[in-house]
Protein backbone atom coordinates (compact mmCIF):
# COMPACT_ATOMS: atom_id res chain seq x y z
CA MET A 1 -16.34 41.14 -0.84
CA GLY A 2 -12.55 42.05 -2.12
CA MET A 3 -9.12 40.28 -3.88
CA GLN A 4 -7.52 39.91 -0.05
CA GLN A 5 -10.96 38.80 1.63
CA MET A 6 -11.44 36.36 -0.43
CA MET A 7 -7.53 35.36 -0.68
CA ALA A 8 -7.49 35.45 3.10
CA LEU A 9 -11.21 32.64 2.75
CA VAL A 10 -9.09 30.40 0.24
CA ALA A 11 -6.17 30.31 2.43
CA ALA A 12 -7.92 29.23 5.11
CA ALA A 13 -10.26 27.19 3.30
CA LEU A 14 -7.43 25.60 1.84
CA ALA A 15 -5.93 25.05 5.71
CA LEU A 16 -8.44 23.20 7.33
CA SER A 17 -9.08 20.81 4.52
CA THR A 18 -5.79 19.29 5.62
CA LEU A 19 -7.14 18.56 9.65
CA PRO A 20 -8.36 15.31 8.55
CA GLY A 21 -5.15 14.15 6.75
CA PHE A 22 -3.83 13.52 10.07
CA ALA A 23 -3.87 10.17 12.02
CA GLY A 24 -4.04 11.50 15.25
CA PRO A 25 -4.95 9.08 18.20
CA CYS A 26 -4.43 6.28 15.37
CA SER A 27 -1.32 6.80 14.26
CA GLN A 28 0.62 4.15 17.46
CA ALA A 29 -1.92 2.03 16.67
CA ILE A 30 -0.93 2.54 12.44
CA ASP A 31 2.95 1.47 13.58
CA GLN A 32 2.15 -1.50 15.29
CA MET A 33 0.63 -2.93 12.86
CA GLN A 34 2.71 -1.53 10.09
CA ALA A 35 4.92 -3.30 11.99
CA LYS A 36 3.43 -6.38 12.14
CA ILE A 37 3.13 -6.42 8.28
CA ASN A 38 7.13 -5.50 7.79
CA ALA A 39 7.79 -8.60 10.20
CA ARG A 40 5.58 -11.13 8.21
CA LEU A 41 6.77 -9.04 4.57
CA LYS A 42 10.85 -9.82 5.56
CA ALA A 43 10.22 -13.49 7.22
CA THR A 44 7.98 -14.99 3.97
CA ALA A 45 9.96 -13.25 1.17
CA GLY A 46 13.45 -15.27 1.21
CA GLY A 47 11.81 -18.20 2.56
CA GLY A 48 10.12 -19.29 -0.80
CA PRO A 49 10.35 -21.04 -3.67
CA ALA A 50 11.39 -19.57 -6.78
CA ALA A 51 10.57 -20.21 -10.35
CA PRO A 52 12.21 -19.41 -13.26
CA GLU A 53 10.40 -16.33 -15.15
CA SER A 54 7.88 -15.80 -17.94
CA SER A 55 8.02 -14.24 -21.35
CA ALA A 56 4.85 -12.52 -19.49
CA ALA A 57 6.95 -11.09 -17.01
CA THR A 58 9.61 -9.79 -20.06
CA MET A 59 6.74 -8.00 -21.53
CA HIS A 60 7.70 -4.34 -20.14
CA ARG A 61 3.79 -4.18 -18.18
CA GLN A 62 2.87 -4.11 -14.24
CA PRO A 63 1.93 -7.46 -13.26
CA THR A 64 -2.30 -7.82 -11.91
CA PRO A 65 -3.55 -9.43 -9.49
CA GLY A 66 -4.66 -11.97 -10.92
CA SER A 67 -1.21 -13.19 -12.47
CA ILE A 68 -0.15 -12.65 -8.87
CA ALA A 69 -1.77 -15.45 -7.30
CA ALA A 70 -1.37 -16.97 -10.33
CA GLY A 71 1.94 -16.95 -9.93
CA GLU A 72 2.14 -17.98 -6.29
CA GLY A 73 -0.48 -20.54 -6.49
CA LYS A 74 1.78 -22.63 -8.54
CA LEU A 75 4.60 -22.15 -6.09
CA GLY A 76 1.96 -23.17 -3.14
CA GLU A 77 2.31 -19.87 -1.68
CA LEU A 78 0.28 -17.99 0.32
CA SER A 79 -2.36 -15.52 -2.39
CA PRO A 80 -2.88 -11.97 -1.06
CA GLN A 81 -6.56 -13.36 -0.40
CA THR A 82 -6.00 -15.40 1.76
CA TRP A 83 -3.02 -13.26 3.70
CA ARG A 84 -4.46 -11.87 6.77
CA PRO A 85 -1.50 -9.76 9.00
């Protein structure tokens, strides 16, 4: 197999590998669900109680799901495990 044939085969394989990435007929359902999630987040984002910043928050580390859930639990907010769209 020549170099040009190999390059054409690789280009075709690369082009065809992107096809499963399209949302296709589900795109409308995805958009509707995203709108529901955004509305729910917007409604709850500013309405909850606030807490002072902890010393762990100032250590320049990413929070873990457990630390977020613990903080929300102390404030009486919904945790990610109990929230449903």
